[in-house]
Amino acid sequence: GKQLEFTDSLKLNYEFRRAYRKGRSAAEPCLVVYARRNGKAGNRLGFTVSNKLGCAVVRNRSKRVLREAARALRLPVEGCDVILFATPRTRTAHPEEMIEALKSLLKRAGVA
């Protein structure tokens, strides 16, 4: 099967809103995932890291942890918009923990 390559970023506000509204979500303590089929060839990945999580340094670290988990993950999926939503636990999660959580969440959200 083809790998789960996140070719594009979700950047536009309305794309995020659509994924929240129409997507299926699943949550673990260290991560929340919203996913929906986008009817396109590629997958698109977005990140949400709230100001509540802390200062810019903390938020950027959380985003990096999420991005690394997404990059490390290879799943035979195509045509999905996926948003990774950071939780307070994201800040202290180990990479392996994040990857496992992401794997199980994508399955539960029905895209893996």
PDB file of N, CA and C in Angstrom:
ATOM      1  N   GLY A   1       0.833  -1.206   0.000  1.00  0.00           N
ATOM      2  CA  GLY A   1       0.000   0.000   0.000  1.00  0.00           C
ATOM      3  C   GLY A   1       0.860   1.246   0.000  1.00  0.00           C
ATOM      4  N   LYS A   2       0.224   2.330  -0.372  1.00  0.00           N
ATOM      5  CA  LYS A   2       0.947   3.602  -0.387  1.00  0.00           C
ATOM      6  C   LYS A   2       1.125   4.108   1.035  1.00  0.00           C
ATOM      7  N   GLN A   3       2.213   4.795   1.261  1.00  0.00           N
ATOM      8  CA  GLN A   3       2.487   5.314   2.595  1.00  0.00           C
ATOM      9  C   GLN A   3       1.578   6.504   2.897  1.00  0.00           C
ATOM     10  N   LEU A   4       1.434   6.793   4.165  1.00  0.00           N
ATOM     11  CA  LEU A   4       0.695   7.982   4.572  1.00  0.00           C
ATOM     12  C   LEU A   4       1.643   9.161   4.463  1.00  0.00           C
ATOM     13  N   GLU A   5       1.644   9.808   3.314  1.00  0.00           N
ATOM     14  CA  GLU A   5       2.531  10.954   3.121  1.00  0.00           C
ATOM     15  C   GLU A   5       1.699  12.209   3.330  1.00  0.00           C
ATOM     16  N   PHE A   6       2.116  13.045   4.237  1.00  0.00           N
ATOM     17  CA  PHE A   6       1.417  14.312   4.399  1.00  0.00           C
ATOM     18  C   PHE A   6       2.078  15.308   3.468  1.00  0.00           C
ATOM     19  N   THR A   7       1.489  15.472   2.292  1.00  0.00           N
ATOM     20  CA  THR A   7       2.124  16.320   1.299  1.00  0.00           C
ATOM     21  C   THR A   7       1.894  17.786   1.613  1.00  0.00           C
ATOM     22  N   ASP A   8       0.722  18.105   2.142  1.00  0.00           N
ATOM     23  CA  ASP A   8       0.319  19.488   2.267  1.00  0.00           C
ATOM     24  C   ASP A   8       0.010  19.838   3.696  1.00  0.00           C
ATOM     25  N   SER A   9       0.026  21.128   3.982  1.00  0.00           N
ATOM     26  CA  SER A   9      -0.436  21.579   5.291  1.00  0.00           C
ATOM     27  C   SER A   9      -1.837  22.110   5.138  1.00  0.00           C
ATOM     28  N   LEU A  10      -2.604  21.936   6.185  1.00  0.00           N
ATOM     29  CA  LEU A  10      -3.866  22.652   6.283  1.00  0.00           C
ATOM     30  C   LEU A  10      -3.506  24.016   6.837  1.00  0.00           C
ATOM     31  N   LYS A  11      -3.854  25.049   6.126  1.00  0.00           N
ATOM     32  CA  LYS A  11      -3.473  26.374   6.606  1.00  0.00           C
ATOM     33  C   LYS A  11      -4.682  27.279   6.803  1.00  0.00           C
ATOM     34  N   LEU A  12      -5.674  27.085   5.975  1.00  0.00           N
ATOM     35  CA  LEU A  12      -6.766  28.056   5.972  1.00  0.00           C
ATOM     36  C   LEU A  12      -7.767  27.779   7.073  1.00  0.00           C
ATOM     37  N   ASN A  13      -8.221  28.849   7.670  1.00  0.00           N
ATOM     38  CA  ASN A  13      -9.149  28.766   8.771  1.00  0.00           C
ATOM     39  C   ASN A  13     -10.373  27.908   8.449  1.00  0.00           C
ATOM     40  N   TYR A  14     -10.955  28.116   7.262  1.00  0.00           N
ATOM     41  CA  TYR A  14     -12.174  27.375   6.946  1.00  0.00           C
ATOM     42  C   TYR A  14     -11.898  25.879   6.793  1.00  0.00           C
ATOM     43  N   GLU A  15     -10.689  25.526   6.380  1.00  0.00           N
ATOM     44  CA  GLU A  15     -10.360  24.097   6.263  1.00  0.00           C
ATOM     45  C   GLU A  15     -10.311  23.454   7.651  1.00  0.00           C
ATOM     46  N   PHE A  16      -9.767  24.182   8.600  1.00  0.00           N
ATOM     47  CA  PHE A  16      -9.760  23.682   9.972  1.00  0.00           C
ATOM     48  C   PHE A  16     -11.185  23.546  10.484  1.00  0.00           C
ATOM     49  N   ARG A  17     -11.991  24.579  10.260  1.00  0.00           N
ATOM     50  CA  ARG A  17     -13.376  24.543  10.751  1.00  0.00           C
ATOM     51  C   ARG A  17     -14.142  23.373  10.152  1.00  0.00           C
ATOM     52  N   ARG A  18     -13.905  23.130   8.864  1.00  0.00           N
ATOM     53  CA  ARG A  18     -14.596  22.012   8.206  1.00  0.00           C
ATOM     54  C   ARG A  18     -14.165  20.676   8.803  1.00  0.00           C
ATOM     55  N   ALA A  19     -12.873  20.545   9.066  1.00  0.00           N
ATOM     56  CA  ALA A  19     -12.384  19.292   9.653  1.00  0.00           C
ATOM     57  C   ALA A  19     -12.970  19.087  11.049  1.00  0.00           C
ATOM     58  N   TYR A  20     -13.079  20.178  11.820  1.00  0.00           N
ATOM     59  CA  TYR A  20     -13.688  20.053  13.150  1.00  0.00           C
ATOM     60  C   TYR A  20     -15.153  19.674  13.044  1.00  0.00           C
ATOM     61  N   ARG A  21     -15.849  20.316  12.109  1.00  0.00           N
ATOM     62  CA  ARG A  21     -17.292  20.125  12.017  1.00  0.00           C
ATOM     63  C   ARG A  21     -17.653  18.759  11.431  1.00  0.00           C
ATOM     64  N   LYS A  22     -16.962  18.413  10.333  1.00  0.00           N
ATOM     65  CA  LYS A  22     -17.355  17.203   9.607  1.00  0.00           C
ATOM     66  C   LYS A  22     -16.483  15.998   9.928  1.00  0.00           C
ATOM     67  N   GLY A  23     -15.355  16.263  10.578  1.00  0.00           N
ATOM     68  CA  GLY A  23     -14.421  15.171  10.816  1.00  0.00           C
ATOM     69  C   GLY A  23     -14.851  14.307  11.986  1.00  0.00           C
ATOM     70  N   ARG A  24     -14.238  13.138  12.072  1.00  0.00           N
ATOM     71  CA  ARG A  24     -14.444  12.290  13.247  1.00  0.00           C
ATOM     72  C   ARG A  24     -13.277  12.532  14.180  1.00  0.00           C
ATOM     73  N   SER A  25     -13.572  12.611  15.468  1.00  0.00           N
ATOM     74  CA  SER A  25     -12.478  12.885  16.391  1.00  0.00           C
ATOM     75  C   SER A  25     -12.283  11.704  17.326  1.00  0.00           C
ATOM     76  N   ALA A  26     -11.088  11.612  17.843  1.00  0.00           N
ATOM     77  CA  ALA A  26     -10.757  10.595  18.836  1.00  0.00           C
ATOM     78  C   ALA A  26      -9.698  11.224  19.736  1.00  0.00           C
ATOM     79  N   ALA A  27      -9.723  10.861  21.006  1.00  0.00           N
ATOM     80  CA  ALA A  27      -8.815  11.520  21.946  1.00  0.00           C
ATOM     81  C   ALA A  27      -8.064  10.523  22.811  1.00  0.00           C
ATOM     82  N   GLU A  28      -6.831  10.876  23.085  1.00  0.00           N
ATOM     83  CA  GLU A  28      -6.004  10.207  24.080  1.00  0.00           C
ATOM     84  C   GLU A  28      -5.553  11.323  25.017  1.00  0.00           C
ATOM     85  N   PRO A  29      -5.019  10.977  26.191  1.00  0.00           N
ATOM     86  CA  PRO A  29      -4.587  12.058  27.084  1.00  0.00           C
ATOM     87  C   PRO A  29      -3.569  13.010  26.440  1.00  0.00           C
ATOM     88  N   CYS A  30      -2.690  12.474  25.595  1.00  0.00           N
ATOM     89  CA  CYS A  30      -1.619  13.322  25.078  1.00  0.00           C
ATOM     90  C   CYS A  30      -1.920  13.920  23.706  1.00  0.00           C
ATOM     91  N   LEU A  31      -3.106  13.648  23.157  1.00  0.00           N
ATOM     92  CA  LEU A  31      -3.347  14.069  21.777  1.00  0.00           C
ATOM     93  C   LEU A  31      -4.816  13.908  21.412  1.00  0.00           C
ATOM     94  N   VAL A  32      -5.322  14.856  20.616  1.00  0.00           N
ATOM     95  CA  VAL A  32      -6.654  14.696  20.028  1.00  0.00           C
ATOM     96  C   VAL A  32      -6.495  14.762  18.516  1.00  0.00           C
ATOM     97  N   VAL A  33      -7.214  13.895  17.806  1.00  0.00           N
ATOM     98  CA  VAL A  33      -7.134  13.867  16.346  1.00  0.00           C
ATOM     99  C   VAL A  33      -8.512  14.127  15.759  1.00  0.00           C
ATOM    100  N   TYR A  34      -8.564  15.010  14.775  1.00  0.00           N
ATOM    101  CA  TYR A  34      -9.759  15.185  13.955  1.00  0.00           C
ATOM    102  C   TYR A  34      -9.387  14.746  12.552  1.00  0.00           C
ATOM    103  N   ALA A  35     -10.185  13.896  11.945  1.00  0.00           N
ATOM    104  CA  ALA A  35      -9.837  13.432  10.609  1.00  0.00           C
ATOM    105  C   ALA A  35     -11.071  13.348   9.733  1.00  0.00           C
ATOM    106  N   ARG A  36     -10.903  13.691   8.480  1.00  0.00           N
ATOM    107  CA  ARG A  36     -11.986  13.493   7.522  1.00  0.00           C
ATOM    108  C   ARG A  36     -11.395  13.225   6.148  1.00  0.00           C
ATOM    109  N   ARG A  37     -12.140  12.485   5.359  1.00  0.00           N
ATOM    110  CA  ARG A  37     -11.732  12.254   3.969  1.00  0.00           C
ATOM    111  C   ARG A  37     -11.834  13.580   3.225  1.00  0.00           C
ATOM    112  N   ASN A  38     -10.864  13.863   2.371  1.00  0.00           N
ATOM    113  CA  ASN A  38     -10.946  15.134   1.646  1.00  0.00           C
ATOM    114  C   ASN A  38     -11.214  14.954   0.155  1.00  0.00           C
ATOM    115  N   GLY A  39     -11.332  13.704  -0.283  1.00  0.00           N
ATOM    116  CA  GLY A  39     -11.641  13.461  -1.688  1.00  0.00           C
ATOM    117  C   GLY A  39     -10.517  13.847  -2.641  1.00  0.00           C
ATOM    118  N   LYS A  40      -9.344  14.097  -2.107  1.00  0.00           N
ATOM    119  CA  LYS A  40      -8.206  14.465  -2.961  1.00  0.00           C
ATOM    120  C   LYS A  40      -7.193  13.333  -2.970  1.00  0.00           C
ATOM    121  N   ALA A  41      -6.159  13.511  -3.782  1.00  0.00           N
ATOM    122  CA  ALA A  41      -5.139  12.471  -3.878  1.00  0.00           C
ATOM    123  C   ALA A  41      -4.252  12.450  -2.635  1.00  0.00           C
ATOM    124  N   GLY A  42      -3.956  13.621  -2.094  1.00  0.00           N
ATOM    125  CA  GLY A  42      -2.982  13.671  -1.010  1.00  0.00           C
ATOM    126  C   GLY A  42      -3.618  13.841   0.355  1.00  0.00           C
ATOM    127  N   ASN A  43      -2.809  13.654   1.360  1.00  0.00           N
ATOM    128  CA  ASN A  43      -3.240  13.933   2.724  1.00  0.00           C
ATOM    129  C   ASN A  43      -2.792  15.334   3.114  1.00  0.00           C
ATOM    130  N   ARG A  44      -3.587  15.938   3.976  1.00  0.00           N
ATOM    131  CA  ARG A  44      -3.191  17.247   4.475  1.00  0.00           C
ATOM    132  C   ARG A  44      -3.187  17.201   5.993  1.00  0.00           C
ATOM    133  N   LEU A  45      -2.195  17.857   6.551  1.00  0.00           N
ATOM    134  CA  LEU A  45      -1.994  17.781   7.989  1.00  0.00           C
ATOM    135  C   LEU A  45      -2.033  19.183   8.584  1.00  0.00           C
ATOM    136  N   GLY A  46      -2.751  19.320   9.693  1.00  0.00           N
ATOM    137  CA  GLY A  46      -2.787  20.601  10.390  1.00  0.00           C
ATOM    138  C   GLY A  46      -2.501  20.393  11.869  1.00  0.00           C
ATOM    139  N   PHE A  47      -2.060  21.449  12.512  1.00  0.00           N
ATOM    140  CA  PHE A  47      -1.770  21.394  13.946  1.00  0.00           C
ATOM    141  C   PHE A  47      -2.530  22.488  14.657  1.00  0.00           C
ATOM    142  N   THR A  48      -3.062  22.165  15.814  1.00  0.00           N
ATOM    143  CA  THR A  48      -3.647  23.197  16.659  1.00  0.00           C
ATOM    144  C   THR A  48      -2.970  23.120  18.016  1.00  0.00           C
ATOM    145  N   VAL A  49      -2.311  24.203  18.369  1.00  0.00           N
ATOM    146  CA  VAL A  49      -1.659  24.281  19.666  1.00  0.00           C
ATOM    147  C   VAL A  49      -2.133  25.574  20.317  1.00  0.00           C
ATOM    148  N   SER A  50      -2.971  25.442  21.320  1.00  0.00           N
ATOM    149  CA  SER A  50      -3.644  26.589  21.912  1.00  0.00           C
ATOM    150  C   SER A  50      -2.701  27.429  22.761  1.00  0.00           C
ATOM    151  N   ASN A  51      -3.019  28.716  22.864  1.00  0.00           N
ATOM    152  CA  ASN A  51      -2.247  29.616  23.733  1.00  0.00           C
ATOM    153  C   ASN A  51      -2.304  29.176  25.188  1.00  0.00           C
ATOM    154  N   LYS A  52      -3.334  28.408  25.538  1.00  0.00           N
ATOM    155  CA  LYS A  52      -3.476  27.940  26.914  1.00  0.00           C
ATOM    156  C   LYS A  52      -2.332  27.010  27.309  1.00  0.00           C
ATOM    157  N   LEU A  53      -1.692  26.425  26.303  1.00  0.00           N
ATOM    158  CA  LEU A  53      -0.631  25.464  26.587  1.00  0.00           C
ATOM    159  C   LEU A  53       0.612  26.117  27.190  1.00  0.00           C
ATOM    160  N   GLY A  54       0.809  27.388  26.881  1.00  0.00           N
ATOM    161  CA  GLY A  54       1.973  28.068  27.446  1.00  0.00           C
ATOM    162  C   GLY A  54       2.553  29.070  26.476  1.00  0.00           C
ATOM    163  N   CYS A  55       3.779  29.485  26.757  1.00  0.00           N
ATOM    164  CA  CYS A  55       4.427  30.498  25.937  1.00  0.00           C
ATOM    165  C   CYS A  55       4.830  29.906  24.587  1.00  0.00           C
ATOM    166  N   ALA A  56       5.336  30.754  23.712  1.00  0.00           N
ATOM    167  CA  ALA A  56       5.681  30.327  22.352  1.00  0.00           C
ATOM    168  C   ALA A  56       6.653  29.154  22.350  1.00  0.00           C
ATOM    169  N   VAL A  57       7.622  29.185  23.265  1.00  0.00           N
ATOM    170  CA  VAL A  57       8.620  28.113  23.314  1.00  0.00           C
ATOM    171  C   VAL A  57       7.937  26.768  23.557  1.00  0.00           C
ATOM    172  N   VAL A  58       7.019  26.752  24.521  1.00  0.00           N
ATOM    173  CA  VAL A  58       6.289  25.527  24.856  1.00  0.00           C
ATOM    174  C   VAL A  58       5.421  25.086  23.681  1.00  0.00           C
ATOM    175  N   ARG A  59       4.735  26.041  23.065  1.00  0.00           N
ATOM    176  CA  ARG A  59       3.853  25.698  21.938  1.00  0.00           C
ATOM    177  C   ARG A  59       4.660  25.162  20.761  1.00  0.00           C
ATOM    178  N   ASN A  60       5.787  25.786  20.486  1.00  0.00           N
ATOM    179  CA  ASN A  60       6.607  25.309  19.369  1.00  0.00           C
ATOM    180  C   ASN A  60       7.163  23.923  19.635  1.00  0.00           C
ATOM    181  N   ARG A  61       7.533  23.671  20.892  1.00  0.00           N
ATOM    182  CA  ARG A  61       8.016  22.339  21.236  1.00  0.00           C
ATOM    183  C   ARG A  61       6.908  21.307  21.036  1.00  0.00           C
ATOM    184  N   SER A  62       5.705  21.658  21.481  1.00  0.00           N
ATOM    185  CA  SER A  62       4.571  20.748  21.320  1.00  0.00           C
ATOM    186  C   SER A  62       4.312  20.466  19.840  1.00  0.00           C
ATOM    187  N   LYS A  63       4.385  21.522  19.042  1.00  0.00           N
ATOM    188  CA  LYS A  63       4.143  21.361  17.607  1.00  0.00           C
ATOM    189  C   LYS A  63       5.200  20.450  16.984  1.00  0.00           C
ATOM    190  N   ARG A  64       6.442  20.623  17.454  1.00  0.00           N
ATOM    191  CA  ARG A  64       7.521  19.791  16.916  1.00  0.00           C
ATOM    192  C   ARG A  64       7.298  18.325  17.272  1.00  0.00           C
ATOM    193  N   VAL A  65       6.852  18.073  18.508  1.00  0.00           N
ATOM    194  CA  VAL A  65       6.554  16.702  18.937  1.00  0.00           C
ATOM    195  C   VAL A  65       5.462  16.098  18.042  1.00  0.00           C
ATOM    196  N   LEU A  66       4.423  16.886  17.777  1.00  0.00           N
ATOM    197  CA  LEU A  66       3.335  16.407  16.914  1.00  0.00           C
ATOM    198  C   LEU A  66       3.839  16.126  15.504  1.00  0.00           C
ATOM    199  N   ARG A  67       4.644  17.054  14.997  1.00  0.00           N
ATOM    200  CA  ARG A  67       5.134  16.900  13.622  1.00  0.00           C
ATOM    201  C   ARG A  67       6.015  15.663  13.499  1.00  0.00           C
ATOM    202  N   GLU A  68       6.854  15.434  14.516  1.00  0.00           N
ATOM    203  CA  GLU A  68       7.726  14.258  14.470  1.00  0.00           C
ATOM    204  C   GLU A  68       6.920  12.973  14.516  1.00  0.00           C
ATOM    205  N   ALA A  69       5.871  12.951  15.328  1.00  0.00           N
ATOM    206  CA  ALA A  69       5.022  11.758  15.404  1.00  0.00           C
ATOM    207  C   ALA A  69       4.374  11.498  14.051  1.00  0.00           C
ATOM    208  N   ALA A  70       3.890  12.561  13.412  1.00  0.00           N
ATOM    209  CA  ALA A  70       3.249  12.409  12.105  1.00  0.00           C
ATOM    210  C   ALA A  70       4.243  11.911  11.068  1.00  0.00           C
ATOM    211  N   ARG A  71       5.469  12.426  11.143  1.00  0.00           N
ATOM    212  CA  ARG A  71       6.471  12.026  10.162  1.00  0.00           C
ATOM    213  C   ARG A  71       6.885  10.572  10.365  1.00  0.00           C
ATOM    214  N   ALA A  72       6.951  10.166  11.630  1.00  0.00           N
ATOM    215  CA  ALA A  72       7.403   8.804  11.928  1.00  0.00           C
ATOM    216  C   ALA A  72       6.344   7.770  11.547  1.00  0.00           C
ATOM    217  N   LEU A  73       5.119   8.246  11.410  1.00  0.00           N
ATOM    218  CA  LEU A  73       4.017   7.322  11.176  1.00  0.00           C
ATOM    219  C   LEU A  73       3.863   7.041   9.692  1.00  0.00           C
ATOM    220  N   ARG A  74       3.717   5.776   9.357  1.00  0.00           N
ATOM    221  CA  ARG A  74       3.487   5.422   7.962  1.00  0.00           C
ATOM    222  C   ARG A  74       2.267   4.519   7.910  1.00  0.00           C
ATOM    223  N   LEU A  75       1.176   5.032   7.367  1.00  0.00           N
ATOM    224  CA  LEU A  75      -0.037   4.222   7.292  1.00  0.00           C
ATOM    225  C   LEU A  75      -0.589   4.255   5.874  1.00  0.00           C
ATOM    226  N   PRO A  76      -1.170   3.150   5.441  1.00  0.00           N
ATOM    227  CA  PRO A  76      -1.701   3.098   4.074  1.00  0.00           C
ATOM    228  C   PRO A  76      -3.032   3.831   3.965  1.00  0.00           C
ATOM    229  N   VAL A  77      -2.951   5.137   3.890  1.00  0.00           N
ATOM    230  CA  VAL A  77      -4.150   5.967   3.835  1.00  0.00           C
ATOM    231  C   VAL A  77      -3.947   7.002   2.756  1.00  0.00           C
ATOM    232  N   GLU A  78      -5.031   7.393   2.110  1.00  0.00           N
ATOM    233  CA  GLU A  78      -4.888   8.502   1.181  1.00  0.00           C
ATOM    234  C   GLU A  78      -6.148   9.336   1.161  1.00  0.00           C
ATOM    235  N   GLY A  79      -5.949  10.619   0.931  1.00  0.00           N
ATOM    236  CA  GLY A  79      -7.090  11.506   0.784  1.00  0.00           C
ATOM    237  C   GLY A  79      -7.737  11.922   2.083  1.00  0.00           C
ATOM    238  N   CYS A  80      -6.922  12.271   3.080  1.00  0.00           N
ATOM    239  CA  CYS A  80      -7.465  12.673   4.381  1.00  0.00           C
ATOM    240  C   CYS A  80      -6.941  14.031   4.810  1.00  0.00           C
ATOM    241  N   ASP A  81      -7.812  14.756   5.488  1.00  0.00           N
ATOM    242  CA  ASP A  81      -7.369  15.918   6.240  1.00  0.00           C
ATOM    243  C   ASP A  81      -7.269  15.477   7.686  1.00  0.00           C
ATOM    244  N   VAL A  82      -6.135  15.705   8.290  1.00  0.00           N
ATOM    245  CA  VAL A  82      -5.929  15.290   9.673  1.00  0.00           C
ATOM    246  C   VAL A  82      -5.439  16.493  10.468  1.00  0.00           C
ATOM    247  N   ILE A  83      -6.112  16.754  11.588  1.00  0.00           N
ATOM    248  CA  ILE A  83      -5.649  17.808  12.481  1.00  0.00           C
ATOM    249  C   ILE A  83      -5.204  17.175  13.787  1.00  0.00           C
ATOM    250  N   LEU A  84      -4.007  17.523  14.202  1.00  0.00           N
ATOM    251  CA  LEU A  84      -3.495  17.067  15.484  1.00  0.00           C
ATOM    252  C   LEU A  84      -3.648  18.211  16.472  1.00  0.00           C
ATOM    253  N   PHE A  85      -4.354  17.935  17.536  1.00  0.00           N
ATOM    254  CA  PHE A  85      -4.698  18.964  18.510  1.00  0.00           C
ATOM    255  C   PHE A  85      -3.925  18.672  19.787  1.00  0.00           C
ATOM    256  N   ALA A  86      -3.060  19.598  20.173  1.00  0.00           N
ATOM    257  CA  ALA A  86      -2.201  19.376  21.339  1.00  0.00           C
ATOM    258  C   ALA A  86      -2.993  19.514  22.638  1.00  0.00           C
ATOM    259  N   THR A  87      -2.648  18.698  23.626  1.00  0.00           N
ATOM    260  CA  THR A  87      -3.228  18.800  24.962  1.00  0.00           C
ATOM    261  C   THR A  87      -2.087  19.145  25.927  1.00  0.00           C
ATOM    262  N   PRO A  88      -2.421  19.493  27.171  1.00  0.00           N
ATOM    263  CA  PRO A  88      -1.326  19.772  28.118  1.00  0.00           C
ATOM    264  C   PRO A  88      -0.333  18.609  28.228  1.00  0.00           C
ATOM    265  N   ARG A  89      -0.810  17.375  28.060  1.00  0.00           N
ATOM    266  CA  ARG A  89       0.080  16.210  28.147  1.00  0.00           C
ATOM    267  C   ARG A  89       1.029  16.113  26.950  1.00  0.00           C
ATOM    268  N   THR A  90       0.684  16.770  25.846  1.00  0.00           N
ATOM    269  CA  THR A  90       1.568  16.732  24.672  1.00  0.00           C
ATOM    270  C   THR A  90       2.953  17.237  25.042  1.00  0.00           C
ATOM    271  N   ARG A  91       2.984  18.225  25.942  1.00  0.00           N
ATOM    272  CA  ARG A  91       4.254  18.878  26.283  1.00  0.00           C
ATOM    273  C   ARG A  91       5.265  17.914  26.860  1.00  0.00           C
ATOM    274  N   THR A  92       4.780  16.896  27.592  1.00  0.00           N
ATOM    275  CA  THR A  92       5.710  16.007  28.288  1.00  0.00           C
ATOM    276  C   THR A  92       5.731  14.599  27.706  1.00  0.00           C
ATOM    277  N   ALA A  93       4.955  14.382  26.644  1.00  0.00           N
ATOM    278  CA  ALA A  93       4.846  13.027  26.082  1.00  0.00           C
ATOM    279  C   ALA A  93       6.148  12.606  25.400  1.00  0.00           C
ATOM    280  N   HIS A  94       6.460  11.319  25.501  1.00  0.00           N
ATOM    281  CA  HIS A  94       7.614  10.777  24.793  1.00  0.00           C
ATOM    282  C   HIS A  94       7.232  10.530  23.335  1.00  0.00           C
ATOM    283  N   PRO A  95       8.204  10.637  22.421  1.00  0.00           N
ATOM    284  CA  PRO A  95       7.901  10.419  21.005  1.00  0.00           C
ATOM    285  C   PRO A  95       7.198   9.085  20.745  1.00  0.00           C
ATOM    286  N   GLU A  96       7.674   8.004  21.401  1.00  0.00           N
ATOM    287  CA  GLU A  96       7.047   6.689  21.155  1.00  0.00           C
ATOM    288  C   GLU A  96       5.579   6.713  21.583  1.00  0.00           C
ATOM    289  N   GLU A  97       5.337   7.360  22.720  1.00  0.00           N
ATOM    290  CA  GLU A  97       3.976   7.459  23.229  1.00  0.00           C
ATOM    291  C   GLU A  97       3.089   8.202  22.227  1.00  0.00           C
ATOM    292  N   MET A  98       3.630   9.282  21.658  1.00  0.00           N
ATOM    293  CA  MET A  98       2.881  10.078  20.686  1.00  0.00           C
ATOM    294  C   MET A  98       2.568   9.265  19.433  1.00  0.00           C
ATOM    295  N   ILE A  99       3.558   8.510  18.984  1.00  0.00           N
ATOM    296  CA  ILE A  99       3.362   7.726  17.754  1.00  0.00           C
ATOM    297  C   ILE A  99       2.286   6.664  17.979  1.00  0.00           C
ATOM    298  N   GLU A 100       2.372   5.968  19.116  1.00  0.00           N
ATOM    299  CA  GLU A 100       1.353   4.954  19.439  1.00  0.00           C
ATOM    300  C   GLU A 100      -0.033   5.582  19.545  1.00  0.00           C
ATOM    301  N   ALA A 101      -0.105   6.722  20.224  1.00  0.00           N
ATOM    302  CA  ALA A 101      -1.389   7.409  20.391  1.00  0.00           C
ATOM    303  C   ALA A 101      -1.952   7.809  19.026  1.00  0.00           C
ATOM    304  N   LEU A 102      -1.096   8.362  18.185  1.00  0.00           N
ATOM    305  CA  LEU A 102      -1.533   8.816  16.866  1.00  0.00           C
ATOM    306  C   LEU A 102      -2.037   7.644  16.029  1.00  0.00           C
ATOM    307  N   LYS A 103      -1.298   6.535  16.102  1.00  0.00           N
ATOM    308  CA  LYS A 103      -1.694   5.341  15.354  1.00  0.00           C
ATOM    309  C   LYS A 103      -3.105   4.884  15.761  1.00  0.00           C
ATOM    310  N   SER A 104      -3.312   4.775  17.071  1.00  0.00           N
ATOM    311  CA  SER A 104      -4.595   4.268  17.535  1.00  0.00           C
ATOM    312  C   SER A 104      -5.709   5.289  17.270  1.00  0.00           C
ATOM    313  N   LEU A 105      -5.400   6.575  17.364  1.00  0.00           N
ATOM    314  CA  LEU A 105      -6.417   7.593  17.127  1.00  0.00           C
ATOM    315  C   LEU A 105      -6.866   7.645  15.670  1.00  0.00           C
ATOM    316  N   LEU A 106      -5.902   7.482  14.766  1.00  0.00           N
ATOM    317  CA  LEU A 106      -6.264   7.496  13.341  1.00  0.00           C
ATOM    318  C   LEU A 106      -7.172   6.299  13.031  1.00  0.00           C
ATOM    319  N   LYS A 107      -6.896   5.159  13.657  1.00  0.00           N
ATOM    320  CA  LYS A 107      -7.776   4.010  13.467  1.00  0.00           C
ATOM    321  C   LYS A 107      -9.171   4.315  13.997  1.00  0.00           C
ATOM    322  N   ARG A 108      -9.213   4.890  15.214  1.00  0.00           N
ATOM    323  CA  ARG A 108     -10.502   5.168  15.817  1.00  0.00           C
ATOM    324  C   ARG A 108     -11.282   6.252  15.084  1.00  0.00           C
ATOM    325  N   ALA A 109     -10.552   7.158  14.434  1.00  0.00           N
ATOM    326  CA  ALA A 109     -11.237   8.200  13.670  1.00  0.00           C
ATOM    327  C   ALA A 109     -11.629   7.690  12.284  1.00  0.00           C
ATOM    328  N   GLY A 110     -11.297   6.427  12.024  1.00  0.00           N
ATOM    329  CA  GLY A 110     -11.753   5.785  10.790  1.00  0.00           C
ATOM    330  C   GLY A 110     -10.966   6.120   9.537  1.00  0.00           C
ATOM    331  N   VAL A 111      -9.726   6.564   9.691  1.00  0.00           N
ATOM    332  CA  VAL A 111      -8.952   6.856   8.481  1.00  0.00           C
ATOM    333  C   VAL A 111      -7.762   5.936   8.292  1.00  0.00           C
ATOM    334  N   ALA A 112      -7.476   5.081   9.253  1.00  0.00           N
ATOM    335  CA  ALA A 112      -6.304   4.220   9.095  1.00  0.00           C
ATOM    336  C   ALA A 112      -6.731   2.784   8.848  1.00  0.00           C
TER     337      ALA A 112
END
